[in-house]
Amino acid sequence: MDLAVKKIELINWLTTQDETMIKKVDALRRSSMESAYRAGMGEKLESKLGRSKADRKSGKTHSQEDVENFFESKWAR
């Protein structure tokens, strides 16, 4: 069966369902999205967070004022 047809069938079916079934389908959708996020972005985000913490501990960070001064000096030329 064509995917577009299947989607339309599901939409039509959802319009006839009560609130309990809609909540179940929505919970499944959210769970699926969370799983996909954890599988893909979660690891990347955790890795970036770890690097950020390490940078902060080692002093490889700059204040907002330092960053603003840096860019102001570059644009002043």
PDB file of N, CA and C in Angstrom:
ATOM      1  N   MET A   1       0.840  -1.184   0.000  1.00  0.00           N
ATOM      2  CA  MET A   1       0.000   0.000   0.000  1.00  0.00           C
ATOM      3  C   MET A   1       0.885   1.247   0.000  1.00  0.00           C
ATOM      4  N   ASP A   2       0.488   2.236  -0.736  1.00  0.00           N
ATOM      5  CA  ASP A   2       1.195   3.494  -0.838  1.00  0.00           C
ATOM      6  C   ASP A   2       1.235   4.192   0.520  1.00  0.00           C
ATOM      7  N   LEU A   3       2.376   4.767   0.874  1.00  0.00           N
ATOM      8  CA  LEU A   3       2.542   5.422   2.169  1.00  0.00           C
ATOM      9  C   LEU A   3       1.560   6.583   2.352  1.00  0.00           C
ATOM     10  N   ALA A   4       1.361   7.368   1.316  1.00  0.00           N
ATOM     11  CA  ALA A   4       0.436   8.506   1.413  1.00  0.00           C
ATOM     12  C   ALA A   4      -0.984   8.017   1.708  1.00  0.00           C
ATOM     13  N   VAL A   5      -1.391   6.938   1.085  1.00  0.00           N
ATOM     14  CA  VAL A   5      -2.725   6.374   1.321  1.00  0.00           C
ATOM     15  C   VAL A   5      -2.833   5.881   2.760  1.00  0.00           C
ATOM     16  N   LYS A   6      -1.783   5.235   3.241  1.00  0.00           N
ATOM     17  CA  LYS A   6      -1.778   4.730   4.611  1.00  0.00           C
ATOM     18  C   LYS A   6      -1.887   5.882   5.612  1.00  0.00           C
ATOM     19  N   LYS A   7      -1.179   6.957   5.354  1.00  0.00           N
ATOM     20  CA  LYS A   7      -1.250   8.122   6.237  1.00  0.00           C
ATOM     21  C   LYS A   7      -2.665   8.692   6.285  1.00  0.00           C
ATOM     22  N   ILE A   8      -3.299   8.796   5.131  1.00  0.00           N
ATOM     23  CA  ILE A   8      -4.667   9.322   5.075  1.00  0.00           C
ATOM     24  C   ILE A   8      -5.618   8.397   5.823  1.00  0.00           C
ATOM     25  N   GLU A   9      -5.428   7.091   5.672  1.00  0.00           N
ATOM     26  CA  GLU A   9      -6.262   6.135   6.402  1.00  0.00           C
ATOM     27  C   GLU A   9      -6.100   6.303   7.907  1.00  0.00           C
ATOM     28  N   LEU A  10      -4.854   6.485   8.353  1.00  0.00           N
ATOM     29  CA  LEU A  10      -4.613   6.687   9.778  1.00  0.00           C
ATOM     30  C   LEU A  10      -5.242   7.983  10.278  1.00  0.00           C
ATOM     31  N   ILE A  11      -5.126   9.039   9.514  1.00  0.00           N
ATOM     32  CA  ILE A  11      -5.748  10.313   9.885  1.00  0.00           C
ATOM     33  C   ILE A  11      -7.256  10.148   9.998  1.00  0.00           C
ATOM     34  N   ASN A  12      -7.841   9.510   9.005  1.00  0.00           N
ATOM     35  CA  ASN A  12      -9.296   9.283   9.045  1.00  0.00           C
ATOM     36  C   ASN A  12      -9.686   8.440  10.251  1.00  0.00           C
ATOM     37  N   TRP A  13      -8.898   7.412  10.552  1.00  0.00           N
ATOM     38  CA  TRP A  13      -9.193   6.566  11.703  1.00  0.00           C
ATOM     39  C   TRP A  13      -9.089   7.351  13.004  1.00  0.00           C
ATOM     40  N   LEU A  14      -8.049   8.196  13.108  1.00  0.00           N
ATOM     41  CA  LEU A  14      -7.866   8.999  14.313  1.00  0.00           C
ATOM     42  C   LEU A  14      -9.035   9.939  14.567  1.00  0.00           C
ATOM     43  N   THR A  15      -9.643  10.433  13.512  1.00  0.00           N
ATOM     44  CA  THR A  15     -10.766  11.357  13.693  1.00  0.00           C
ATOM     45  C   THR A  15     -11.982  10.687  14.311  1.00  0.00           C
ATOM     46  N   THR A  16     -12.019   9.365  14.281  1.00  0.00           N
ATOM     47  CA  THR A  16     -13.171   8.653  14.855  1.00  0.00           C
ATOM     48  C   THR A  16     -12.893   8.104  16.250  1.00  0.00           C
ATOM     49  N   GLN A  17     -11.693   8.325  16.764  1.00  0.00           N
ATOM     50  CA  GLN A  17     -11.301   7.749  18.051  1.00  0.00           C
ATOM     51  C   GLN A  17     -11.623   8.682  19.214  1.00  0.00           C
ATOM     52  N   ASP A  18     -11.775   8.075  20.397  1.00  0.00           N
ATOM     53  CA  ASP A  18     -12.049   8.863  21.592  1.00  0.00           C
ATOM     54  C   ASP A  18     -10.741   9.396  22.185  1.00  0.00           C
ATOM     55  N   GLU A  19     -10.869  10.186  23.226  1.00  0.00           N
ATOM     56  CA  GLU A  19      -9.713  10.842  23.829  1.00  0.00           C
ATOM     57  C   GLU A  19      -8.691   9.837  24.359  1.00  0.00           C
ATOM     58  N   THR A  20      -9.136   8.724  24.890  1.00  0.00           N
ATOM     59  CA  THR A  20      -8.228   7.718  25.429  1.00  0.00           C
ATOM     60  C   THR A  20      -7.303   7.178  24.349  1.00  0.00           C
ATOM     61  N   MET A  21      -7.855   6.857  23.198  1.00  0.00           N
ATOM     62  CA  MET A  21      -7.039   6.327  22.105  1.00  0.00           C
ATOM     63  C   MET A  21      -6.101   7.406  21.570  1.00  0.00           C
ATOM     64  N   ILE A  22      -6.563   8.635  21.481  1.00  0.00           N
ATOM     65  CA  ILE A  22      -5.713   9.728  21.004  1.00  0.00           C
ATOM     66  C   ILE A  22      -4.535   9.903  21.947  1.00  0.00           C
ATOM     67  N   LYS A  23      -4.768   9.821  23.253  1.00  0.00           N
ATOM     68  CA  LYS A  23      -3.681   9.941  24.227  1.00  0.00           C
ATOM     69  C   LYS A  23      -2.676   8.807  24.074  1.00  0.00           C
ATOM     70  N   LYS A  24      -3.151   7.593  23.795  1.00  0.00           N
ATOM     71  CA  LYS A  24      -2.250   6.457  23.600  1.00  0.00           C
ATOM     72  C   LYS A  24      -1.383   6.651  22.360  1.00  0.00           C
ATOM     73  N   VAL A  25      -2.002   7.100  21.284  1.00  0.00           N
ATOM     74  CA  VAL A  25      -1.267   7.325  20.036  1.00  0.00           C
ATOM     75  C   VAL A  25      -0.250   8.447  20.231  1.00  0.00           C
ATOM     76  N   ASP A  26      -0.652   9.493  20.941  1.00  0.00           N
ATOM     77  CA  ASP A  26       0.258  10.610  21.190  1.00  0.00           C
ATOM     78  C   ASP A  26       1.424  10.169  22.069  1.00  0.00           C
ATOM     79  N   ALA A  27       1.169   9.341  23.062  1.00  0.00           N
ATOM     80  CA  ALA A  27       2.241   8.819  23.912  1.00  0.00           C
ATOM     81  C   ALA A  27       3.217   7.983  23.090  1.00  0.00           C
ATOM     82  N   LEU A  28       2.700   7.193  22.171  1.00  0.00           N
ATOM     83  CA  LEU A  28       3.553   6.402  21.286  1.00  0.00           C
ATOM     84  C   LEU A  28       4.409   7.315  20.412  1.00  0.00           C
ATOM     85  N   ARG A  29       3.805   8.360  19.898  1.00  0.00           N
ATOM     86  CA  ARG A  29       4.522   9.327  19.063  1.00  0.00           C
ATOM     87  C   ARG A  29       5.650   9.989  19.854  1.00  0.00           C
ATOM     88  N   ARG A  30       5.340  10.463  21.071  1.00  0.00           N
ATOM     89  CA  ARG A  30       6.356  11.115  21.894  1.00  0.00           C
ATOM     90  C   ARG A  30       7.487  10.153  22.254  1.00  0.00           C
ATOM     91  N   SER A  31       7.121   8.930  22.589  1.00  0.00           N
ATOM     92  CA  SER A  31       8.120   7.920  22.929  1.00  0.00           C
ATOM     93  C   SER A  31       9.032   7.643  21.738  1.00  0.00           C
ATOM     94  N   SER A  32       8.451   7.568  20.571  1.00  0.00           N
ATOM     95  CA  SER A  32       9.215   7.323  19.358  1.00  0.00           C
ATOM     96  C   SER A  32      10.177   8.480  19.080  1.00  0.00           C
ATOM     97  N   MET A  33       9.700   9.700  19.270  1.00  0.00           N
ATOM     98  CA  MET A  33      10.538  10.870  19.040  1.00  0.00           C
ATOM     99  C   MET A  33      11.684  10.925  20.048  1.00  0.00           C
ATOM    100  N   GLU A  34      11.395  10.600  21.304  1.00  0.00           N
ATOM    101  CA  GLU A  34      12.423  10.606  22.334  1.00  0.00           C
ATOM    102  C   GLU A  34      13.479   9.537  22.049  1.00  0.00           C
ATOM    103  N   SER A  35      13.031   8.382  21.604  1.00  0.00           N
ATOM    104  CA  SER A  35      13.976   7.308  21.274  1.00  0.00           C
ATOM    105  C   SER A  35      14.889   7.713  20.134  1.00  0.00           C
ATOM    106  N   ALA A  36      14.312   8.318  19.115  1.00  0.00           N
ATOM    107  CA  ALA A  36      15.105   8.755  17.968  1.00  0.00           C
ATOM    108  C   ALA A  36      16.096   9.830  18.395  1.00  0.00           C
ATOM    109  N   TYR A  37      15.664  10.723  19.270  1.00  0.00           N
ATOM    110  CA  TYR A  37      16.552  11.774  19.752  1.00  0.00           C
ATOM    111  C   TYR A  37      17.715  11.179  20.530  1.00  0.00           C
ATOM    112  N   ARG A  38      17.393  10.278  21.455  1.00  0.00           N
ATOM    113  CA  ARG A  38      18.448   9.671  22.266  1.00  0.00           C
ATOM    114  C   ARG A  38      19.420   8.883  21.397  1.00  0.00           C
ATOM    115  N   ALA A  39      18.915   8.217  20.392  1.00  0.00           N
ATOM    116  CA  ALA A  39      19.763   7.399  19.528  1.00  0.00           C
ATOM    117  C   ALA A  39      20.707   8.256  18.689  1.00  0.00           C
ATOM    118  N   GLY A  40      20.230   9.384  18.220  1.00  0.00           N
ATOM    119  CA  GLY A  40      21.054  10.210  17.337  1.00  0.00           C
ATOM    120  C   GLY A  40      21.700  11.377  18.039  1.00  0.00           C
ATOM    121  N   MET A  41      20.894  12.315  18.444  1.00  0.00           N
ATOM    122  CA  MET A  41      21.407  13.544  19.012  1.00  0.00           C
ATOM    123  C   MET A  41      21.882  13.388  20.450  1.00  0.00           C
ATOM    124  N   GLY A  42      21.300  12.480  21.179  1.00  0.00           N
ATOM    125  CA  GLY A  42      21.649  12.337  22.578  1.00  0.00           C
ATOM    126  C   GLY A  42      23.125  12.118  22.800  1.00  0.00           C
ATOM    127  N   GLU A  43      23.726  11.211  22.041  1.00  0.00           N
ATOM    128  CA  GLU A  43      25.152  10.934  22.187  1.00  0.00           C
ATOM    129  C   GLU A  43      25.993  12.136  21.794  1.00  0.00           C
ATOM    130  N   LYS A  44      25.627  12.794  20.721  1.00  0.00           N
ATOM    131  CA  LYS A  44      26.369  13.968  20.280  1.00  0.00           C
ATOM    132  C   LYS A  44      26.278  15.074  21.324  1.00  0.00           C
ATOM    133  N   LEU A  45      25.079  15.279  21.857  1.00  0.00           N
ATOM    134  CA  LEU A  45      24.880  16.313  22.853  1.00  0.00           C
ATOM    135  C   LEU A  45      25.649  15.997  24.128  1.00  0.00           C
ATOM    136  N   GLU A  46      25.613  14.751  24.553  1.00  0.00           N
ATOM    137  CA  GLU A  46      26.368  14.346  25.745  1.00  0.00           C
ATOM    138  C   GLU A  46      27.864  14.572  25.535  1.00  0.00           C
ATOM    139  N   SER A  47      28.352  14.264  24.345  1.00  0.00           N
ATOM    140  CA  SER A  47      29.764  14.467  24.030  1.00  0.00           C
ATOM    141  C   SER A  47      30.121  15.952  24.099  1.00  0.00           C
ATOM    142  N   LYS A  48      29.271  16.798  23.529  1.00  0.00           N
ATOM    143  CA  LYS A  48      29.514  18.239  23.556  1.00  0.00           C
ATOM    144  C   LYS A  48      29.452  18.777  24.980  1.00  0.00           C
ATOM    145  N   LEU A  49      28.516  18.270  25.753  1.00  0.00           N
ATOM    146  CA  LEU A  49      28.402  18.694  27.133  1.00  0.00           C
ATOM    147  C   LEU A  49      29.664  18.326  27.917  1.00  0.00           C
ATOM    148  N   GLY A  50      30.178  17.137  27.687  1.00  0.00           N
ATOM    149  CA  GLY A  50      31.414  16.718  28.337  1.00  0.00           C
ATOM    150  C   GLY A  50      32.583  17.602  27.978  1.00  0.00           C
ATOM    151  N   ARG A  51      32.699  17.949  26.689  1.00  0.00           N
ATOM    152  CA  ARG A  51      33.775  18.838  26.259  1.00  0.00           C
ATOM    153  C   ARG A  51      33.620  20.223  26.883  1.00  0.00           C
ATOM    154  N   SER A  52      32.381  20.695  26.967  1.00  0.00           N
ATOM    155  CA  SER A  52      32.124  22.017  27.560  1.00  0.00           C
ATOM    156  C   SER A  52      32.530  22.040  29.026  1.00  0.00           C
ATOM    157  N   LYS A  53      32.186  20.986  29.742  1.00  0.00           N
ATOM    158  CA  LYS A  53      32.566  20.912  31.156  1.00  0.00           C
ATOM    159  C   LYS A  53      34.077  20.888  31.313  1.00  0.00           C
ATOM    160  N   ALA A  54      34.752  20.133  30.459  1.00  0.00           N
ATOM    161  CA  ALA A  54      36.210  20.056  30.506  1.00  0.00           C
ATOM    162  C   ALA A  54      36.828  21.415  30.181  1.00  0.00           C
ATOM    163  N   ASP A  55      36.292  22.115  29.192  1.00  0.00           N
ATOM    164  CA  ASP A  55      36.788  23.446  28.841  1.00  0.00           C
ATOM    165  C   ASP A  55      36.622  24.414  30.008  1.00  0.00           C
ATOM    166  N   ARG A  56      35.494  24.329  30.662  1.00  0.00           N
ATOM    167  CA  ARG A  56      35.234  25.220  31.792  1.00  0.00           C
ATOM    168  C   ARG A  56      36.222  24.944  32.931  1.00  0.00           C
ATOM    169  N   LYS A  57      36.445  23.674  33.204  1.00  0.00           N
ATOM    170  CA  LYS A  57      37.379  23.303  34.279  1.00  0.00           C
ATOM    171  C   LYS A  57      38.811  23.736  33.962  1.00  0.00           C
ATOM    172  N   SER A  58      39.193  23.665  32.689  1.00  0.00           N
ATOM    173  CA  SER A  58      40.576  23.997  32.314  1.00  0.00           C
ATOM    174  C   SER A  58      40.764  25.483  32.002  1.00  0.00           C
ATOM    175  N   GLY A  59      39.698  26.265  32.130  1.00  0.00           N
ATOM    176  CA  GLY A  59      39.813  27.708  31.902  1.00  0.00           C
ATOM    177  C   GLY A  59      39.768  28.118  30.445  1.00  0.00           C
ATOM    178  N   LYS A  60      39.311  27.248  29.579  1.00  0.00           N
ATOM    179  CA  LYS A  60      39.239  27.576  28.151  1.00  0.00           C
ATOM    180  C   LYS A  60      37.918  28.263  27.807  1.00  0.00           C
ATOM    181  N   THR A  61      37.492  29.168  28.652  1.00  0.00           N
ATOM    182  CA  THR A  61      36.246  29.893  28.401  1.00  0.00           C
ATOM    183  C   THR A  61      36.529  31.385  28.419  1.00  0.00           C
ATOM    184  N   HIS A  62      35.597  32.162  27.883  1.00  0.00           N
ATOM    185  CA  HIS A  62      35.727  33.614  27.833  1.00  0.00           C
ATOM    186  C   HIS A  62      34.446  34.244  28.346  1.00  0.00           C
ATOM    187  N   SER A  63      34.570  35.374  28.972  1.00  0.00           N
ATOM    188  CA  SER A  63      33.394  36.085  29.465  1.00  0.00           C
ATOM    189  C   SER A  63      32.667  36.745  28.296  1.00  0.00           C
ATOM    190  N   GLN A  64      31.421  37.108  28.535  1.00  0.00           N
ATOM    191  CA  GLN A  64      30.633  37.813  27.516  1.00  0.00           C
ATOM    192  C   GLN A  64      31.338  39.115  27.141  1.00  0.00           C
ATOM    193  N   GLU A  65      31.863  39.789  28.130  1.00  0.00           N
ATOM    194  CA  GLU A  65      32.552  41.055  27.888  1.00  0.00           C
ATOM    195  C   GLU A  65      33.780  40.847  26.999  1.00  0.00           C
ATOM    196  N   ASP A  66      34.553  39.792  27.253  1.00  0.00           N
ATOM    197  CA  ASP A  66      35.723  39.499  26.419  1.00  0.00           C
ATOM    198  C   ASP A  66      35.324  39.249  24.968  1.00  0.00           C
ATOM    199  N   VAL A  67      34.258  38.511  24.781  1.00  0.00           N
ATOM    200  CA  VAL A  67      33.795  38.205  23.421  1.00  0.00           C
ATOM    201  C   VAL A  67      33.327  39.481  22.725  1.00  0.00           C
ATOM    202  N   GLU A  68      32.566  40.296  23.437  1.00  0.00           N
ATOM    203  CA  GLU A  68      32.093  41.554  22.838  1.00  0.00           C
ATOM    204  C   GLU A  68      33.259  42.459  22.467  1.00  0.00           C
ATOM    205  N   ASN A  69      34.228  42.565  23.362  1.00  0.00           N
ATOM    206  CA  ASN A  69      35.409  43.400  23.073  1.00  0.00           C
ATOM    207  C   ASN A  69      36.177  42.865  21.870  1.00  0.00           C
ATOM    208  N   PHE A  70      36.307  41.567  21.757  1.00  0.00           N
ATOM    209  CA  PHE A  70      37.003  40.956  20.621  1.00  0.00           C
ATOM    210  C   PHE A  70      36.338  41.352  19.309  1.00  0.00           C
ATOM    211  N   PHE A  71      35.007  41.202  19.248  1.00  0.00           N
ATOM    212  CA  PHE A  71      34.315  41.503  17.996  1.00  0.00           C
ATOM    213  C   PHE A  71      34.265  43.000  17.724  1.00  0.00           C
ATOM    214  N   GLU A  72      34.166  43.795  18.746  1.00  0.00           N
ATOM    215  CA  GLU A  72      34.199  45.240  18.534  1.00  0.00           C
ATOM    216  C   GLU A  72      35.544  45.670  17.961  1.00  0.00           C
ATOM    217  N   SER A  73      36.615  45.058  18.434  1.00  0.00           N
ATOM    218  CA  SER A  73      37.944  45.407  17.907  1.00  0.00           C
ATOM    219  C   SER A  73      38.101  44.967  16.457  1.00  0.00           C
ATOM    220  N   LYS A  74      37.458  43.856  16.081  1.00  0.00           N
ATOM    221  CA  LYS A  74      37.530  43.383  14.693  1.00  0.00           C
ATOM    222  C   LYS A  74      36.729  44.274  13.769  1.00  0.00           C
ATOM    223  N   TRP A  75      35.574  44.773  14.224  1.00  0.00           N
ATOM    224  CA  TRP A  75      34.716  45.610  13.384  1.00  0.00           C
ATOM    225  C   TRP A  75      35.212  47.044  13.310  1.00  0.00           C
ATOM    226  N   ALA A  76      36.035  47.463  14.257  1.00  0.00           N
ATOM    227  CA  ALA A  76      36.505  48.853  14.322  1.00  0.00           C
ATOM    228  C   ALA A  76      37.525  49.143  13.240  1.00  0.00           C
ATOM    229  N   ARG A  77      38.062  48.119  12.616  1.00  0.00           N
ATOM    230  CA  ARG A  77      39.121  48.326  11.621  1.00  0.00           C
ATOM    231  C   ARG A  77      38.623  48.966  10.388  1.00  0.00           C
TER     232      ARG A  77
END
